[in-house]
All heavy atoms as atom14 arrays in JSON, in Angstrom:
{
  "sequence": "WSSDAHSSQPSRRLFYNQKKIKFSYPPLIGDPNKVTEVIANGNKY",
  "atom14_mask": [
    [1, 1, 1, 1, 1, 1, 1, 1, 1, 1, 1, 1, 1, 1],
    [1, 1, 1, 1, 1, 1, 0, 0, 0, 0, 0, 0, 0, 0],
    [1, 1, 1, 1, 1, 1, 0, 0, 0, 0, 0, 0, 0, 0],
    [1, 1, 1, 1, 1, 1, 1, 1, 0, 0, 0, 0, 0, 0],
    [1, 1, 1, 1, 1, 0, 0, 0, 0, 0, 0, 0, 0, 0],
    [1, 1, 1, 1, 1, 1, 1, 1, 1, 1, 0, 0, 0, 0],
    [1, 1, 1, 1, 1, 1, 0, 0, 0, 0, 0, 0, 0, 0],
    [1, 1, 1, 1, 1, 1, 0, 0, 0, 0, 0, 0, 0, 0],
    [1, 1, 1, 1, 1, 1, 1, 1, 1, 0, 0, 0, 0, 0],
    [1, 1, 1, 1, 1, 1, 1, 0, 0, 0, 0, 0, 0, 0],
    [1, 1, 1, 1, 1, 1, 0, 0, 0, 0, 0, 0, 0, 0],
    [1, 1, 1, 1, 1, 1, 1, 1, 1, 1, 1, 0, 0, 0],
    [1, 1, 1, 1, 1, 1, 1, 1, 1, 1, 1, 0, 0, 0],
    [1, 1, 1, 1, 1, 1, 1, 1, 0, 0, 0, 0, 0, 0],
    [1, 1, 1, 1, 1, 1, 1, 1, 1, 1, 1, 0, 0, 0],
    [1, 1, 1, 1, 1, 1, 1, 1, 1, 1, 1, 1, 0, 0],
    [1, 1, 1, 1, 1, 1, 1, 1, 0, 0, 0, 0, 0, 0],
    [1, 1, 1, 1, 1, 1, 1, 1, 1, 0, 0, 0, 0, 0],
    [1, 1, 1, 1, 1, 1, 1, 1, 1, 0, 0, 0, 0, 0],
    [1, 1, 1, 1, 1, 1, 1, 1, 1, 0, 0, 0, 0, 0],
    [1, 1, 1, 1, 1, 1, 1, 1, 0, 0, 0, 0, 0, 0],
    [1, 1, 1, 1, 1, 1, 1, 1, 1, 0, 0, 0, 0, 0],
    [1, 1, 1, 1, 1, 1, 1, 1, 1, 1, 1, 0, 0, 0],
    [1, 1, 1, 1, 1, 1, 0, 0, 0, 0, 0, 0, 0, 0],
    [1, 1, 1, 1, 1, 1, 1, 1, 1, 1, 1, 1, 0, 0],
    [1, 1, 1, 1, 1, 1, 1, 0, 0, 0, 0, 0, 0, 0],
    [1, 1, 1, 1, 1, 1, 1, 0, 0, 0, 0, 0, 0, 0],
    [1, 1, 1, 1, 1, 1, 1, 1, 0, 0, 0, 0, 0, 0],
    [1, 1, 1, 1, 1, 1, 1, 1, 0, 0, 0, 0, 0, 0],
    [1, 1, 1, 1, 0, 0, 0, 0, 0, 0, 0, 0, 0, 0],
    [1, 1, 1, 1, 1, 1, 1, 1, 0, 0, 0, 0, 0, 0],
    [1, 1, 1, 1, 1, 1, 1, 0, 0, 0, 0, 0, 0, 0],
    [1, 1, 1, 1, 1, 1, 1, 1, 0, 0, 0, 0, 0, 0],
    [1, 1, 1, 1, 1, 1, 1, 1, 1, 0, 0, 0, 0, 0],
    [1, 1, 1, 1, 1, 1, 1, 0, 0, 0, 0, 0, 0, 0],
    [1, 1, 1, 1, 1, 1, 1, 0, 0, 0, 0, 0, 0, 0],
    [1, 1, 1, 1, 1, 1, 1, 1, 1, 0, 0, 0, 0, 0],
    [1, 1, 1, 1, 1, 1, 1, 0, 0, 0, 0, 0, 0, 0],
    [1, 1, 1, 1, 1, 1, 1, 1, 0, 0, 0, 0, 0, 0],
    [1, 1, 1, 1, 1, 0, 0, 0, 0, 0, 0, 0, 0, 0],
    [1, 1, 1, 1, 1, 1, 1, 1, 0, 0, 0, 0, 0, 0],
    [1, 1, 1, 1, 0, 0, 0, 0, 0, 0, 0, 0, 0, 0],
    [1, 1, 1, 1, 1, 1, 1, 1, 0, 0, 0, 0, 0, 0],
    [1, 1, 1, 1, 1, 1, 1, 1, 1, 0, 0, 0, 0, 0],
    [1, 1, 1, 1, 1, 1, 1, 1, 1, 1, 1, 1, 0, 0]
  ],
  "atom14_positions": [
    [[5.31, -4.79, -1.28], [4.42, -5.93, -1.09], [4.99, -7.11, -1.86], [5.69, -6.96, -2.86], [3.02, -5.62, -1.63], [2.24, -4.63, -0.8], [2.56, -3.34, -0.55], [1.02, -4.88, -0.12], [1.63, -2.73, 0.24], [0.64, -3.67, 0.53], [0.19, -5.99, 0.03], [-0.5, -3.55, 1.29], [-0.97, -5.86, 0.79], [-1.31, -4.66, 1.41]],
    [[4.65, -8.28, -1.31], [4.98, -9.49, -2.08], [3.94, -9.66, -3.16], [2.76, -9.39, -2.95], [5.0, -10.71, -1.16], [3.72, -10.92, -0.59], [0.0, 0.0, 0.0], [0.0, 0.0, 0.0], [0.0, 0.0, 0.0], [0.0, 0.0, 0.0], [0.0, 0.0, 0.0], [0.0, 0.0, 0.0], [0.0, 0.0, 0.0], [0.0, 0.0, 0.0]],
    [[4.41, -10.09, -4.32], [3.49, -10.26, -5.43], [2.86, -11.64, -5.4], [3.52, -12.62, -5.04], [4.23, -10.05, -6.76], [3.37, -10.25, -7.84], [0.0, 0.0, 0.0], [0.0, 0.0, 0.0], [0.0, 0.0, 0.0], [0.0, 0.0, 0.0], [0.0, 0.0, 0.0], [0.0, 0.0, 0.0], [0.0, 0.0, 0.0], [0.0, 0.0, 0.0]],
    [[1.59, -11.73, -5.76], [0.89, -13.02, -5.77], [0.75, -13.55, -7.2], [-0.06, -14.4, -7.47], [-0.49, -12.86, -5.14], [-1.31, -11.77, -5.8], [-0.8, -11.12, -6.76], [-2.46, -11.55, -5.38], [0.0, 0.0, 0.0], [0.0, 0.0, 0.0], [0.0, 0.0, 0.0], [0.0, 0.0, 0.0], [0.0, 0.0, 0.0], [0.0, 0.0, 0.0]],
    [[1.59, -13.0, -8.06], [1.47, -13.45, -9.47], [1.9, -14.89, -9.65], [1.29, -15.66, -10.4], [2.32, -12.54, -10.37], [0.0, 0.0, 0.0], [0.0, 0.0, 0.0], [0.0, 0.0, 0.0], [0.0, 0.0, 0.0], [0.0, 0.0, 0.0], [0.0, 0.0, 0.0], [0.0, 0.0, 0.0], [0.0, 0.0, 0.0], [0.0, 0.0, 0.0]],
    [[2.98, -15.31, -8.93], [3.47, -16.68, -9.07], [3.49, -17.38, -7.72], [4.37, -18.21, -7.46], [4.88, -16.66, -9.7], [4.93, -15.99, -11.04], [4.46, -16.6, -12.19], [5.4, -14.78, -11.42], [4.64, -15.77, -13.21], [5.21, -14.65, -12.76], [0.0, 0.0, 0.0], [0.0, 0.0, 0.0], [0.0, 0.0, 0.0], [0.0, 0.0, 0.0]],
    [[2.6, -16.99, -6.87], [2.58, -17.6, -5.53], [1.15, -17.95, -5.16], [0.21, -17.24, -5.53], [3.18, -16.65, -4.49], [3.04, -17.2, -3.2], [0.0, 0.0, 0.0], [0.0, 0.0, 0.0], [0.0, 0.0, 0.0], [0.0, 0.0, 0.0], [0.0, 0.0, 0.0], [0.0, 0.0, 0.0], [0.0, 0.0, 0.0], [0.0, 0.0, 0.0]],
    [[1.05, -19.07, -4.41], [-0.3, -19.48, -3.94], [-0.72, -18.71, -2.71], [-1.9, -18.72, -2.34], [-0.28, -20.98, -3.63], [0.7, -21.27, -2.63], [0.0, 0.0, 0.0], [0.0, 0.0, 0.0], [0.0, 0.0, 0.0], [0.0, 0.0, 0.0], [0.0, 0.0, 0.0], [0.0, 0.0, 0.0], [0.0, 0.0, 0.0], [0.0, 0.0, 0.0]],
    [[0.22, -17.96, -2.09], [-0.09, -17.2, -0.89], [-0.56, -15.8, -1.29], [-0.12, -15.25, -2.31], [1.14, -17.09, 0.01], [1.63, -18.43, 0.54], [2.83, -18.28, 1.44], [3.3, -17.17, 1.68], [3.32, -19.4, 1.95], [0.0, 0.0, 0.0], [0.0, 0.0, 0.0], [0.0, 0.0, 0.0], [0.0, 0.0, 0.0], [0.0, 0.0, 0.0]],
    [[-1.46, -15.19, -0.49], [-1.92, -13.85, -0.79], [-0.8, -12.83, -0.64], [0.17, -13.04, 0.08], [-3.04, -13.62, 0.24], [-2.71, -14.52, 1.37], [-2.08, -15.74, 0.75], [0.0, 0.0, 0.0], [0.0, 0.0, 0.0], [0.0, 0.0, 0.0], [0.0, 0.0, 0.0], [0.0, 0.0, 0.0], [0.0, 0.0, 0.0], [0.0, 0.0, 0.0]],
    [[-0.96, -11.72, -1.3], [0.05, -10.65, -1.24], [0.08, -10.06, 0.16], [-0.95, -9.89, 0.82], [-0.3, -9.57, -2.27], [0.63, -8.54, -2.22], [0.0, 0.0, 0.0], [0.0, 0.0, 0.0], [0.0, 0.0, 0.0], [0.0, 0.0, 0.0], [0.0, 0.0, 0.0], [0.0, 0.0, 0.0], [0.0, 0.0, 0.0], [0.0, 0.0, 0.0]],
    [[1.34, -9.76, 0.63], [1.52, -9.21, 1.98], [2.39, -7.96, 1.9], [3.28, -7.84, 1.06], [2.2, -10.24, 2.88], [1.39, -11.5, 3.11], [2.21, -12.55, 3.89], [3.34, -13.03, 3.12], [4.6, -12.77, 3.4], [4.89, -12.0, 4.43], [5.58, -13.29, 2.67], [0.0, 0.0, 0.0], [0.0, 0.0, 0.0], [0.0, 0.0, 0.0]],
    [[2.09, -7.01, 2.82], [2.92, -5.81, 2.91], [4.18, -6.15, 3.69], [4.13, -6.5, 4.86], [2.16, -4.67, 3.57], [2.95, -3.36, 3.55], [2.13, -2.17, 3.98], [1.79, -2.21, 5.39], [1.18, -1.22, 6.07], [0.83, -0.12, 5.39], [0.89, -1.35, 7.34], [0.0, 0.0, 0.0], [0.0, 0.0, 0.0], [0.0, 0.0, 0.0]],
    [[5.34, -6.0, 3.08], [6.6, -6.36, 3.7], [7.32, -5.15, 4.32], [8.04, -5.29, 5.31], [7.53, -7.0, 2.66], [6.96, -8.23, 1.92], [7.95, -8.72, 0.87], [6.63, -9.34, 2.92], [0.0, 0.0, 0.0], [0.0, 0.0, 0.0], [0.0, 0.0, 0.0], [0.0, 0.0, 0.0], [0.0, 0.0, 0.0], [0.0, 0.0, 0.0]],
    [[7.08, -3.94, 3.71], [7.82, -2.77, 4.21], [7.03, -1.5, 3.86], [6.39, -1.42, 2.8], [9.21, -2.7, 3.58], [9.91, -1.39, 3.81], [10.56, -1.11, 5.02], [9.91, -0.4, 2.82], [11.19, 0.1, 5.22], [10.54, 0.81, 3.02], [11.18, 1.06, 4.23], [0.0, 0.0, 0.0], [0.0, 0.0, 0.0], [0.0, 0.0, 0.0]],
    [[7.08, -0.53, 4.79], [6.6, 0.82, 4.46], [7.43, 1.81, 5.26], [7.97, 1.47, 6.32], [5.11, 0.98, 4.74], [4.71, 0.91, 6.19], [4.49, 2.08, 6.94], [4.52, -0.33, 6.83], [4.11, 2.01, 8.27], [4.15, -0.39, 8.15], [3.93, 0.77, 8.87], [3.56, 0.7, 10.2], [0.0, 0.0, 0.0], [0.0, 0.0, 0.0]],
    [[7.57, 3.03, 4.79], [8.49, 4.0, 5.4], [7.88, 4.62, 6.67], [7.57, 5.8, 6.72], [8.86, 5.09, 4.4], [7.63, 5.8, 3.84], [6.54, 5.25, 3.85], [7.83, 7.01, 3.35], [0.0, 0.0, 0.0], [0.0, 0.0, 0.0], [0.0, 0.0, 0.0], [0.0, 0.0, 0.0], [0.0, 0.0, 0.0], [0.0, 0.0, 0.0]],
    [[7.74, 3.81, 7.69], [7.09, 4.24, 8.91], [7.89, 5.3, 9.66], [7.36, 6.07, 10.44], [6.85, 3.05, 9.82], [8.13, 2.24, 10.08], [7.85, 0.91, 10.75], [6.7, 0.54, 10.88], [8.9, 0.21, 11.16], [0.0, 0.0, 0.0], [0.0, 0.0, 0.0], [0.0, 0.0, 0.0], [0.0, 0.0, 0.0], [0.0, 0.0, 0.0]],
    [[9.24, 5.31, 9.47], [10.05, 6.3, 10.2], [9.9, 7.71, 9.63], [10.24, 8.67, 10.3], [11.52, 5.88, 10.15], [11.81, 4.6, 10.92], [13.3, 4.28, 10.87], [13.59, 3.0, 11.67], [15.03, 2.66, 11.64], [0.0, 0.0, 0.0], [0.0, 0.0, 0.0], [0.0, 0.0, 0.0], [0.0, 0.0, 0.0], [0.0, 0.0, 0.0]],
    [[9.43, 7.78, 8.44], [9.31, 9.08, 7.79], [7.96, 9.74, 8.05], [7.78, 10.91, 7.76], [9.52, 8.95, 6.27], [10.94, 8.57, 5.88], [11.88, 9.73, 6.15], [13.29, 9.38, 5.68], [14.22, 10.5, 5.91], [0.0, 0.0, 0.0], [0.0, 0.0, 0.0], [0.0, 0.0, 0.0], [0.0, 0.0, 0.0], [0.0, 0.0, 0.0]],
    [[6.98, 8.99, 8.51], [5.65, 9.54, 8.73], [5.26, 9.34, 10.17], [5.79, 8.48, 10.88], [4.61, 8.85, 7.8], [4.61, 7.34, 8.03], [4.92, 9.16, 6.33], [3.57, 6.61, 7.24], [0.0, 0.0, 0.0], [0.0, 0.0, 0.0], [0.0, 0.0, 0.0], [0.0, 0.0, 0.0], [0.0, 0.0, 0.0], [0.0, 0.0, 0.0]],
    [[4.36, 10.17, 10.67], [3.94, 10.14, 12.06], [2.46, 9.83, 12.2], [1.8, 10.27, 13.14], [4.25, 11.48, 12.71], [5.73, 11.84, 12.7], [5.97, 13.19, 13.34], [7.46, 13.54, 13.32], [7.71, 14.86, 13.93], [0.0, 0.0, 0.0], [0.0, 0.0, 0.0], [0.0, 0.0, 0.0], [0.0, 0.0, 0.0], [0.0, 0.0, 0.0]],
    [[1.91, 9.11, 11.27], [0.5, 8.73, 11.37], [0.35, 7.34, 10.77], [1.17, 6.89, 9.97], [-0.4, 9.73, 10.64], [-0.08, 9.89, 9.18], [-0.65, 9.06, 8.23], [0.81, 10.87, 8.75], [-0.35, 9.2, 6.9], [1.11, 11.01, 7.41], [0.53, 10.18, 6.49], [0.0, 0.0, 0.0], [0.0, 0.0, 0.0], [0.0, 0.0, 0.0]],
    [[-0.67, 6.67, 11.19], [-0.97, 5.33, 10.66], [-2.03, 5.45, 9.58], [-2.89, 6.34, 9.62], [-1.47, 4.42, 11.79], [-2.65, 4.95, 12.37], [0.0, 0.0, 0.0], [0.0, 0.0, 0.0], [0.0, 0.0, 0.0], [0.0, 0.0, 0.0], [0.0, 0.0, 0.0], [0.0, 0.0, 0.0], [0.0, 0.0, 0.0], [0.0, 0.0, 0.0]],
    [[-1.98, 4.53, 8.63], [-2.95, 4.55, 7.54], [-3.14, 3.12, 7.06], [-2.26, 2.26, 7.24], [-2.45, 5.44, 6.4], [-1.16, 4.97, 5.78], [-1.17, 4.12, 4.66], [0.07, 5.35, 6.3], [0.01, 3.68, 4.1], [1.25, 4.92, 5.73], [1.21, 4.1, 4.63], [2.37, 3.66, 4.08], [0.0, 0.0, 0.0], [0.0, 0.0, 0.0]],
    [[-4.23, 2.84, 6.49], [-4.47, 1.47, 5.99], [-3.54, 1.17, 4.84], [-3.02, 2.08, 4.19], [-5.93, 1.51, 5.55], [-6.22, 2.94, 5.27], [-5.4, 3.71, 6.25], [0.0, 0.0, 0.0], [0.0, 0.0, 0.0], [0.0, 0.0, 0.0], [0.0, 0.0, 0.0], [0.0, 0.0, 0.0], [0.0, 0.0, 0.0], [0.0, 0.0, 0.0]],
    [[-3.3, -0.07, 4.54], [-2.41, -0.45, 3.43], [-2.89, 0.15, 2.11], [-4.1, 0.31, 1.87], [-2.48, -1.97, 3.41], [-2.87, -2.35, 4.79], [-3.8, -1.27, 5.27], [0.0, 0.0, 0.0], [0.0, 0.0, 0.0], [0.0, 0.0, 0.0], [0.0, 0.0, 0.0], [0.0, 0.0, 0.0], [0.0, 0.0, 0.0], [0.0, 0.0, 0.0]],
    [[-1.93, 0.48, 1.27], [-2.25, 1.04, -0.04], [-2.66, -0.09, -0.98], [-1.91, -1.04, -1.19], [-1.03, 1.77, -0.61], [-0.5, 2.93, 0.25], [0.78, 3.5, -0.37], [-1.54, 4.02, 0.41], [0.0, 0.0, 0.0], [0.0, 0.0, 0.0], [0.0, 0.0, 0.0], [0.0, 0.0, 0.0], [0.0, 0.0, 0.0], [0.0, 0.0, 0.0]],
    [[-3.85, -0.01, -1.5], [-4.35, -1.08, -2.39], [-4.2, -0.59, -3.85], [-3.21, -0.88, -4.5], [-5.81, -1.44, -2.05], [-5.92, -1.82, -0.56], [-6.27, -2.6, -2.94], [-5.04, -2.98, -0.14], [0.0, 0.0, 0.0], [0.0, 0.0, 0.0], [0.0, 0.0, 0.0], [0.0, 0.0, 0.0], [0.0, 0.0, 0.0], [0.0, 0.0, 0.0]],
    [[-5.15, 0.13, -4.35], [-5.05, 0.69, -5.69], [-5.07, -0.35, -6.79], [-4.98, -1.55, -6.56], [0.0, 0.0, 0.0], [0.0, 0.0, 0.0], [0.0, 0.0, 0.0], [0.0, 0.0, 0.0], [0.0, 0.0, 0.0], [0.0, 0.0, 0.0], [0.0, 0.0, 0.0], [0.0, 0.0, 0.0], [0.0, 0.0, 0.0], [0.0, 0.0, 0.0]],
    [[-5.21, 0.13, -8.01], [-5.21, -0.75, -9.18], [-3.8, -0.91, -9.71], [-3.02, 0.05, -9.75], [-6.1, -0.17, -10.28], [-7.56, -0.1, -9.85], [-7.97, -0.96, -9.06], [-8.28, 0.83, -10.29], [0.0, 0.0, 0.0], [0.0, 0.0, 0.0], [0.0, 0.0, 0.0], [0.0, 0.0, 0.0], [0.0, 0.0, 0.0], [0.0, 0.0, 0.0]],
    [[-3.43, -2.14, -10.08], [-2.07, -2.37, -10.58], [-1.8, -1.62, -11.88], [-2.67, -1.52, -12.75], [-2.01, -3.89, -10.79], [-3.43, -4.33, -10.95], [-4.25, -3.39, -10.11], [0.0, 0.0, 0.0], [0.0, 0.0, 0.0], [0.0, 0.0, 0.0], [0.0, 0.0, 0.0], [0.0, 0.0, 0.0], [0.0, 0.0, 0.0], [0.0, 0.0, 0.0]],
    [[-0.59, -1.08, -11.97], [-0.1, -0.4, -13.18], [-0.98, 0.8, -13.57], [-1.06, 1.17, -14.75], [0.02, -1.37, -14.35], [0.94, -2.52, -14.03], [1.97, -2.34, -13.37], [0.57, -3.71, -14.47], [0.0, 0.0, 0.0], [0.0, 0.0, 0.0], [0.0, 0.0, 0.0], [0.0, 0.0, 0.0], [0.0, 0.0, 0.0], [0.0, 0.0, 0.0]],
    [[-1.64, 1.39, -12.58], [-2.47, 2.57, -12.82], [-2.22, 3.61, -11.73], [-1.68, 3.3, -10.68], [-3.95, 2.21, -12.87], [-4.37, 1.39, -14.08], [-5.87, 1.16, -14.07], [-6.32, 0.37, -15.31], [-7.78, 0.14, -15.3], [0.0, 0.0, 0.0], [0.0, 0.0, 0.0], [0.0, 0.0, 0.0], [0.0, 0.0, 0.0], [0.0, 0.0, 0.0]],
    [[-2.67, 4.81, -12.0], [-2.59, 5.89, -11.01], [-3.99, 6.1, -10.45], [-4.92, 6.42, -11.2], [-2.06, 7.19, -11.63], [-2.01, 8.3, -10.58], [-0.67, 6.98, -12.22], [0.0, 0.0, 0.0], [0.0, 0.0, 0.0], [0.0, 0.0, 0.0], [0.0, 0.0, 0.0], [0.0, 0.0, 0.0], [0.0, 0.0, 0.0], [0.0, 0.0, 0.0]],
    [[-4.13, 5.88, -9.14], [-5.43, 6.04, -8.5], [-5.3, 7.03, -7.35], [-4.21, 7.3, -6.84], [-5.97, 4.7, -7.98], [-4.99, 4.13, -7.1], [-6.23, 3.74, -9.12], [0.0, 0.0, 0.0], [0.0, 0.0, 0.0], [0.0, 0.0, 0.0], [0.0, 0.0, 0.0], [0.0, 0.0, 0.0], [0.0, 0.0, 0.0], [0.0, 0.0, 0.0]],
    [[-6.44, 7.56, -6.92], [-6.46, 8.52, -5.82], [-6.86, 7.82, -4.54], [-7.86, 7.11, -4.5], [-7.44, 9.66, -6.13], [-7.45, 10.76, -5.08], [-8.41, 11.87, -5.44], [-8.14, 12.62, -6.41], [-9.46, 12.0, -4.75], [0.0, 0.0, 0.0], [0.0, 0.0, 0.0], [0.0, 0.0, 0.0], [0.0, 0.0, 0.0], [0.0, 0.0, 0.0]],
    [[-6.05, 8.03, -3.48], [-6.36, 7.44, -2.17], [-6.29, 8.55, -1.13], [-5.74, 9.63, -1.38], [-5.35, 6.33, -1.82], [-5.45, 5.16, -2.79], [-3.92, 6.86, -1.77], [0.0, 0.0, 0.0], [0.0, 0.0, 0.0], [0.0, 0.0, 0.0], [0.0, 0.0, 0.0], [0.0, 0.0, 0.0], [0.0, 0.0, 0.0], [0.0, 0.0, 0.0]],
    [[-6.87, 8.28, 0.03], [-6.88, 9.24, 1.13], [-6.22, 8.6, 2.33], [-6.54, 7.47, 2.72], [-8.32, 9.67, 1.47], [-8.97, 10.37, 0.26], [-8.32, 10.6, 2.68], [-10.41, 10.76, 0.48], [0.0, 0.0, 0.0], [0.0, 0.0, 0.0], [0.0, 0.0, 0.0], [0.0, 0.0, 0.0], [0.0, 0.0, 0.0], [0.0, 0.0, 0.0]],
    [[-5.27, 9.3, 2.93], [-4.59, 8.84, 4.13], [-4.42, 10.02, 5.07], [-3.88, 11.05, 4.67], [-3.24, 8.23, 3.79], [0.0, 0.0, 0.0], [0.0, 0.0, 0.0], [0.0, 0.0, 0.0], [0.0, 0.0, 0.0], [0.0, 0.0, 0.0], [0.0, 0.0, 0.0], [0.0, 0.0, 0.0], [0.0, 0.0, 0.0], [0.0, 0.0, 0.0]],
    [[-4.89, 9.85, 6.29], [-4.8, 10.9, 7.31], [-5.48, 12.2, 6.84], [-5.04, 13.3, 7.14], [-3.34, 11.18, 7.64], [-3.2, 11.96, 8.95], [-4.0, 11.78, 9.88], [-2.2, 12.81, 9.03], [0.0, 0.0, 0.0], [0.0, 0.0, 0.0], [0.0, 0.0, 0.0], [0.0, 0.0, 0.0], [0.0, 0.0, 0.0], [0.0, 0.0, 0.0]],
    [[-6.57, 12.05, 6.06], [-7.32, 13.21, 5.58], [-6.71, 13.91, 4.4], [-7.25, 14.91, 3.93], [0.0, 0.0, 0.0], [0.0, 0.0, 0.0], [0.0, 0.0, 0.0], [0.0, 0.0, 0.0], [0.0, 0.0, 0.0], [0.0, 0.0, 0.0], [0.0, 0.0, 0.0], [0.0, 0.0, 0.0], [0.0, 0.0, 0.0], [0.0, 0.0, 0.0]],
    [[-5.58, 13.43, 3.89], [-4.92, 14.04, 2.74], [-5.11, 13.18, 1.5], [-5.2, 11.95, 1.58], [-3.42, 14.23, 3.01], [-3.16, 15.19, 4.15], [-3.84, 16.19, 4.29], [-2.19, 14.86, 5.01], [0.0, 0.0, 0.0], [0.0, 0.0, 0.0], [0.0, 0.0, 0.0], [0.0, 0.0, 0.0], [0.0, 0.0, 0.0], [0.0, 0.0, 0.0]],
    [[-5.13, 13.81, 0.35], [-5.29, 13.1, -0.91], [-3.92, 12.78, -1.49], [-3.02, 13.6, -1.47], [-6.09, 13.94, -1.9], [-7.56, 14.13, -1.5], [-8.31, 14.92, -2.57], [-9.77, 15.07, -2.19], [-10.54, 15.83, -3.21], [0.0, 0.0, 0.0], [0.0, 0.0, 0.0], [0.0, 0.0, 0.0], [0.0, 0.0, 0.0], [0.0, 0.0, 0.0]],
    [[-3.82, 11.55, -2.01], [-2.57, 11.08, -2.62], [-2.87, 10.5, -3.99], [-3.96, 9.97, -4.26], [-1.93, 9.99, -1.76], [-1.32, 10.48, -0.46], [-2.11, 10.73, 0.65], [0.05, 10.66, -0.34], [-1.56, 11.17, 1.84], [0.63, 11.1, 0.85], [-0.19, 11.35, 1.93], [0.36, 11.79, 3.11], [0.0, 0.0, 0.0], [0.0, 0.0, 0.0]]
  ]
}
């Protein structure tokens, strides 16, 4: 993602490893500099 720390534009997802996975999932948000639990395709990450 592009960082919005020094930019007036909102953060955008620039790349994700789509060739390695066969399902779609919403963008990963989470808390910065922390480990959080998210769910994608019914699996916990």
